[in-house]
N, C-alpha and C. Protein backbone atom coordinates (compact mmCIF):
# COMPACT_ATOMS: atom_id res chain seq x y z
N MET A 1 -17.95 -9.37 -6.37
CA MET A 1 -16.88 -9.54 -7.15
C MET A 1 -15.69 -8.59 -6.58
N ARG A 2 -14.54 -9.03 -6.46
CA ARG A 2 -13.40 -8.47 -5.93
C ARG A 2 -12.72 -7.62 -6.97
N ASN A 3 -12.40 -6.40 -6.79
CA ASN A 3 -11.54 -5.58 -7.93
C ASN A 3 -10.21 -5.97 -7.81
N LYS A 4 -9.59 -6.13 -8.95
CA LYS A 4 -8.21 -6.32 -9.03
C LYS A 4 -7.32 -5.08 -8.73
N LEU A 5 -6.40 -5.14 -7.85
CA LEU A 5 -5.51 -4.09 -7.63
C LEU A 5 -4.08 -4.16 -7.93
N HIS A 6 -3.52 -3.04 -8.24
CA HIS A 6 -2.14 -3.21 -8.72
C HIS A 6 -1.06 -3.24 -7.56
N ILE A 7 -1.55 -3.32 -6.27
CA ILE A 7 -0.53 -3.43 -5.20
C ILE A 7 -1.22 -4.70 -4.31
N LYS A 8 -0.17 -5.21 -3.59
CA LYS A 8 -0.45 -6.38 -2.58
C LYS A 8 0.09 -6.06 -1.33
N ILE A 9 -0.34 -6.80 -0.12
CA ILE A 9 0.32 -6.58 1.07
C ILE A 9 1.88 -7.00 0.94
N GLY A 10 2.63 -6.16 1.63
CA GLY A 10 4.07 -6.44 1.54
C GLY A 10 4.70 -5.80 0.42
N ASP A 11 4.03 -5.09 -0.50
CA ASP A 11 4.73 -4.37 -1.57
C ASP A 11 5.23 -3.04 -1.11
N THR A 12 6.37 -2.56 -1.66
CA THR A 12 6.88 -1.12 -1.39
C THR A 12 6.13 -0.15 -2.36
N VAL A 13 5.61 0.80 -1.80
CA VAL A 13 4.89 1.64 -2.81
C VAL A 13 5.47 3.07 -2.41
N LYS A 14 5.16 4.14 -3.48
CA LYS A 14 5.53 5.45 -3.42
C LYS A 14 4.26 6.21 -3.23
N VAL A 15 4.03 7.35 -2.53
CA VAL A 15 2.83 8.04 -2.38
C VAL A 15 3.00 9.16 -3.41
N LEU A 16 2.00 9.28 -4.27
CA LEU A 16 1.90 10.25 -5.42
C LEU A 16 1.35 11.63 -5.08
N SER A 17 0.42 11.67 -4.14
CA SER A 17 -0.19 13.05 -3.98
C SER A 17 -0.58 13.08 -2.40
N GLY A 18 -0.71 14.14 -1.95
CA GLY A 18 -1.23 14.34 -0.46
C GLY A 18 -0.03 14.78 0.30
N GLU A 19 -0.33 14.91 1.59
CA GLU A 19 0.67 15.29 2.55
C GLU A 19 2.03 14.52 2.70
N GLU A 20 1.84 13.27 2.29
CA GLU A 20 2.92 12.29 2.29
C GLU A 20 3.57 12.16 1.00
N ARG A 21 3.48 13.15 0.05
CA ARG A 21 3.90 12.94 -1.28
C ARG A 21 5.37 12.76 -1.30
N GLY A 22 5.80 11.57 -2.19
CA GLY A 22 7.20 11.33 -2.30
C GLY A 22 7.84 10.48 -1.45
N LYS A 23 7.08 10.17 -0.33
CA LYS A 23 7.66 9.07 0.60
C LYS A 23 7.30 7.64 0.09
N THR A 24 8.12 6.76 0.73
CA THR A 24 7.88 5.32 0.38
C THR A 24 7.62 4.44 1.54
N GLY A 25 6.98 3.34 1.64
CA GLY A 25 6.68 2.43 2.65
C GLY A 25 6.18 1.21 2.24
N THR A 26 6.06 0.34 3.18
CA THR A 26 5.46 -1.00 2.86
C THR A 26 3.90 -1.11 3.22
N VAL A 27 3.14 -1.79 2.29
CA VAL A 27 1.76 -2.00 2.55
C VAL A 27 1.49 -2.92 3.59
N LYS A 28 0.77 -2.55 4.51
CA LYS A 28 0.42 -3.47 5.78
C LYS A 28 -0.87 -4.12 5.73
N GLU A 29 -1.85 -3.36 5.07
CA GLU A 29 -3.32 -3.84 4.87
C GLU A 29 -3.98 -3.07 3.89
N ILE A 30 -4.94 -3.85 3.19
CA ILE A 30 -5.67 -3.24 1.95
C ILE A 30 -7.13 -3.46 2.32
N LEU A 31 -7.95 -2.44 2.27
CA LEU A 31 -9.34 -2.45 2.41
C LEU A 31 -9.96 -2.19 1.05
N ARG A 32 -10.29 -3.44 0.43
CA ARG A 32 -10.87 -3.61 -0.94
C ARG A 32 -12.18 -2.73 -1.14
N THR A 33 -12.97 -2.71 -0.04
CA THR A 33 -14.42 -2.04 -0.13
C THR A 33 -14.19 -0.52 -0.24
N LYS A 34 -13.17 -0.05 0.37
CA LYS A 34 -12.97 1.54 0.22
C LYS A 34 -11.88 1.85 -0.68
N ASN A 35 -11.25 0.89 -1.17
CA ASN A 35 -10.12 1.19 -2.16
C ASN A 35 -9.06 1.93 -1.48
N ARG A 36 -8.64 1.41 -0.30
CA ARG A 36 -7.62 2.19 0.47
C ARG A 36 -6.55 1.02 0.85
N ALA A 37 -5.46 1.62 1.19
CA ALA A 37 -4.30 0.83 1.72
C ALA A 37 -3.67 1.44 2.79
N THR A 38 -3.27 0.58 3.82
CA THR A 38 -2.51 1.27 5.06
C THR A 38 -1.01 0.96 4.74
N VAL A 39 -0.19 2.19 4.84
CA VAL A 39 1.18 2.01 4.49
C VAL A 39 2.04 2.31 5.73
N GLU A 40 2.92 1.40 6.07
CA GLU A 40 3.73 1.37 7.36
C GLU A 40 4.46 2.90 7.61
N GLY A 41 4.05 3.57 8.61
CA GLY A 41 4.77 4.69 9.00
C GLY A 41 4.18 5.99 8.18
N LEU A 42 3.27 5.87 7.40
CA LEU A 42 2.74 6.96 6.65
C LEU A 42 1.22 7.31 6.93
N ASN A 43 0.92 8.64 6.76
CA ASN A 43 -0.43 9.10 7.09
C ASN A 43 -0.74 8.77 8.41
N MET A 44 0.02 9.21 9.53
CA MET A 44 -0.26 8.87 10.78
C MET A 44 -1.45 9.96 11.40
N VAL A 45 -2.39 9.47 12.13
CA VAL A 45 -3.45 10.19 12.62
C VAL A 45 -3.44 9.78 14.36
N LYS A 46 -3.98 10.75 14.92
CA LYS A 46 -4.12 10.51 16.29
C LYS A 46 -5.54 10.05 16.70
N VAL A 47 -5.81 8.98 17.38
CA VAL A 47 -6.92 8.29 17.69
C VAL A 47 -7.19 8.33 19.31
N HIS A 48 -8.38 8.83 19.68
CA HIS A 48 -8.70 8.94 21.09
C HIS A 48 -9.16 7.51 21.49
N GLN A 49 -8.57 6.86 22.48
CA GLN A 49 -9.13 5.44 22.87
C GLN A 49 -9.60 5.61 24.24
N LYS A 50 -10.74 4.99 24.45
CA LYS A 50 -11.42 4.73 25.63
C LYS A 50 -10.65 3.84 26.40
N PRO A 51 -10.65 3.89 27.82
CA PRO A 51 -9.87 2.93 28.72
C PRO A 51 -10.53 1.50 28.58
N SER A 52 -9.71 0.47 28.43
CA SER A 52 -10.24 -0.85 28.20
C SER A 52 -9.30 -1.73 29.18
N ALA A 53 -9.50 -3.01 29.05
CA ALA A 53 -8.76 -4.04 29.91
C ALA A 53 -7.34 -4.16 29.30
N THR A 54 -7.09 -4.05 28.04
CA THR A 54 -5.81 -4.04 27.52
C THR A 54 -4.93 -2.64 27.71
N ASN A 55 -5.78 -1.62 27.70
CA ASN A 55 -5.23 -0.32 27.74
C ASN A 55 -6.05 0.42 28.95
N PRO A 56 -5.65 0.22 30.17
CA PRO A 56 -6.61 0.76 31.22
C PRO A 56 -6.57 2.36 31.32
N GLN A 57 -5.25 2.85 31.00
CA GLN A 57 -5.23 4.41 30.93
C GLN A 57 -6.21 5.05 29.86
N GLY A 58 -6.27 4.38 28.74
CA GLY A 58 -6.86 5.04 27.57
C GLY A 58 -5.99 6.08 27.12
N GLY A 59 -6.41 7.17 26.30
CA GLY A 59 -5.66 8.25 25.80
C GLY A 59 -5.70 8.47 24.34
N ILE A 60 -4.64 9.20 24.02
CA ILE A 60 -4.45 9.48 22.61
C ILE A 60 -3.33 8.64 22.07
N VAL A 61 -3.65 7.79 20.93
CA VAL A 61 -2.55 6.94 20.25
C VAL A 61 -2.55 7.38 18.79
N GLU A 62 -1.31 7.26 18.26
CA GLU A 62 -1.07 7.63 16.93
C GLU A 62 -0.98 6.19 16.14
N ARG A 63 -1.58 6.17 14.98
CA ARG A 63 -1.63 4.94 14.04
C ARG A 63 -1.82 5.45 12.68
N GLU A 64 -1.58 4.45 11.78
CA GLU A 64 -1.66 4.80 10.35
C GLU A 64 -3.01 4.66 9.83
N ALA A 65 -3.32 5.76 9.08
CA ALA A 65 -4.66 5.75 8.36
C ALA A 65 -4.53 5.31 6.92
N GLY A 66 -5.73 5.08 6.28
CA GLY A 66 -5.71 4.48 4.87
C GLY A 66 -5.30 5.53 3.92
N ILE A 67 -4.67 5.22 2.83
CA ILE A 67 -4.44 6.05 1.68
C ILE A 67 -5.11 5.45 0.45
N HIS A 68 -5.78 6.31 -0.38
CA HIS A 68 -6.45 5.87 -1.46
C HIS A 68 -5.41 5.15 -2.45
N ILE A 69 -5.98 4.07 -3.00
CA ILE A 69 -5.07 3.29 -3.90
C ILE A 69 -4.51 4.02 -5.06
N SER A 70 -5.39 4.98 -5.53
CA SER A 70 -5.04 5.78 -6.69
C SER A 70 -3.76 6.64 -6.55
N ASN A 71 -3.51 6.92 -5.29
CA ASN A 71 -2.44 7.64 -4.90
C ASN A 71 -1.16 6.98 -4.53
N LEU A 72 -1.20 5.71 -4.91
CA LEU A 72 0.06 4.81 -4.50
C LEU A 72 0.50 4.37 -5.78
N MET A 73 1.86 4.13 -6.02
CA MET A 73 2.43 3.57 -7.16
C MET A 73 3.58 2.58 -6.76
N LEU A 74 3.56 1.45 -7.27
CA LEU A 74 4.41 0.33 -6.83
C LEU A 74 6.11 0.65 -7.26
N VAL A 75 6.95 0.36 -6.24
CA VAL A 75 8.35 0.54 -6.47
C VAL A 75 8.72 -0.83 -6.91
N ASP A 76 9.58 -0.81 -8.15
CA ASP A 76 10.08 -2.05 -8.42
C ASP A 76 11.46 -2.49 -7.83
N ALA A 77 12.15 -3.49 -8.22
CA ALA A 77 13.32 -3.84 -7.52
C ALA A 77 14.44 -2.95 -7.71
N LYS A 78 14.36 -2.10 -8.76
CA LYS A 78 15.54 -1.09 -8.93
C LYS A 78 15.24 0.08 -8.02
N GLY A 79 14.20 0.17 -7.36
CA GLY A 79 13.87 1.22 -6.67
C GLY A 79 13.28 2.46 -7.33
N GLU A 80 12.71 2.19 -8.53
CA GLU A 80 11.98 3.26 -9.34
C GLU A 80 10.52 3.09 -9.26
N ALA A 81 9.64 3.93 -9.09
CA ALA A 81 8.18 3.88 -9.23
C ALA A 81 7.75 3.62 -10.65
N SER A 82 6.88 2.69 -10.91
CA SER A 82 6.52 2.26 -12.16
C SER A 82 5.07 1.77 -12.23
N ARG A 83 4.46 2.15 -13.36
CA ARG A 83 3.02 1.56 -13.65
C ARG A 83 3.04 -0.20 -13.73
N ILE A 84 1.97 -0.62 -13.51
CA ILE A 84 2.03 -2.15 -13.45
C ILE A 84 1.13 -2.67 -14.52
N GLY A 85 1.60 -3.71 -15.13
CA GLY A 85 0.81 -4.43 -16.19
C GLY A 85 0.63 -5.94 -15.69
N ARG A 86 -0.20 -6.75 -16.48
CA ARG A 86 -0.22 -8.21 -16.25
C ARG A 86 -0.02 -8.83 -17.55
N LYS A 87 0.74 -9.92 -17.41
CA LYS A 87 0.98 -10.64 -18.59
C LYS A 87 1.21 -12.17 -18.17
N LYS A 88 1.09 -13.10 -19.10
CA LYS A 88 1.25 -14.64 -18.74
C LYS A 88 2.82 -14.69 -18.96
N ASN A 89 3.36 -15.46 -18.04
CA ASN A 89 4.96 -15.89 -18.14
C ASN A 89 4.89 -17.26 -18.86
N ASP A 90 6.17 -17.72 -19.00
CA ASP A 90 6.51 -18.92 -19.56
C ASP A 90 5.48 -20.07 -19.14
N ALA A 91 5.35 -20.17 -17.81
CA ALA A 91 4.55 -21.20 -17.21
C ALA A 91 2.99 -21.09 -17.43
N GLY A 92 2.61 -19.99 -18.00
CA GLY A 92 1.26 -19.62 -18.32
C GLY A 92 0.45 -19.06 -17.14
N LYS A 93 1.27 -18.56 -16.19
CA LYS A 93 0.78 -18.06 -15.05
C LYS A 93 0.60 -16.41 -15.19
N LEU A 94 -0.41 -15.83 -14.73
CA LEU A 94 -0.55 -14.39 -14.87
C LEU A 94 0.16 -13.70 -13.76
N VAL A 95 1.24 -12.93 -14.18
CA VAL A 95 2.06 -12.18 -13.34
C VAL A 95 2.06 -10.75 -13.54
N ARG A 96 2.54 -9.90 -12.54
CA ARG A 96 2.63 -8.51 -12.66
C ARG A 96 3.99 -8.10 -13.07
N TYR A 97 4.16 -7.01 -13.94
CA TYR A 97 5.33 -6.55 -14.53
C TYR A 97 5.43 -5.04 -14.40
N SER A 98 6.80 -4.56 -14.47
CA SER A 98 6.79 -3.18 -14.32
C SER A 98 6.90 -2.61 -15.77
N LYS A 99 6.05 -1.79 -16.00
CA LYS A 99 6.01 -1.29 -17.55
C LYS A 99 7.14 -0.41 -17.87
N LYS A 100 8.06 0.07 -16.79
CA LYS A 100 9.07 0.87 -17.03
C LYS A 100 10.32 0.08 -17.47
N THR A 101 10.42 -0.93 -16.69
CA THR A 101 11.54 -1.89 -17.04
C THR A 101 11.26 -3.08 -17.65
N GLY A 102 9.99 -3.57 -17.67
CA GLY A 102 9.62 -4.74 -18.32
C GLY A 102 9.91 -6.08 -17.38
N GLU A 103 10.42 -5.89 -16.18
CA GLU A 103 10.71 -7.01 -15.39
C GLU A 103 9.51 -7.46 -14.49
N GLU A 104 9.39 -8.85 -14.24
CA GLU A 104 8.51 -9.38 -13.40
C GLU A 104 8.63 -8.87 -12.03
N ILE A 105 7.31 -8.82 -11.39
CA ILE A 105 7.40 -8.46 -9.78
C ILE A 105 6.76 -9.55 -9.12
N ASN A 106 7.64 -9.89 -8.22
CA ASN A 106 7.22 -11.14 -7.31
C ASN A 106 6.30 -10.59 -6.14
């Protein structure tokens, strides 16, 4: 069974705690098994790579690491971080909405 998450790929999120606290970015990837999300440009780590056919030199590469989903909050259209709820819209489809403003999130 897959757990329902308050964020999706492509959402703009704000980091609530940790070294990157207060920064915002776009979600690139979600790891449901570990409850982590990779945010573009945040939580950069250095990774040692062995030489390969694509990278014959090898070396140290910087890339984004995962941030726990509990430390991320969705940013709505007005640019404010808000908690997320779910409700049925007029068409009967379940949609996410901002609890701060009450507006639907696409």
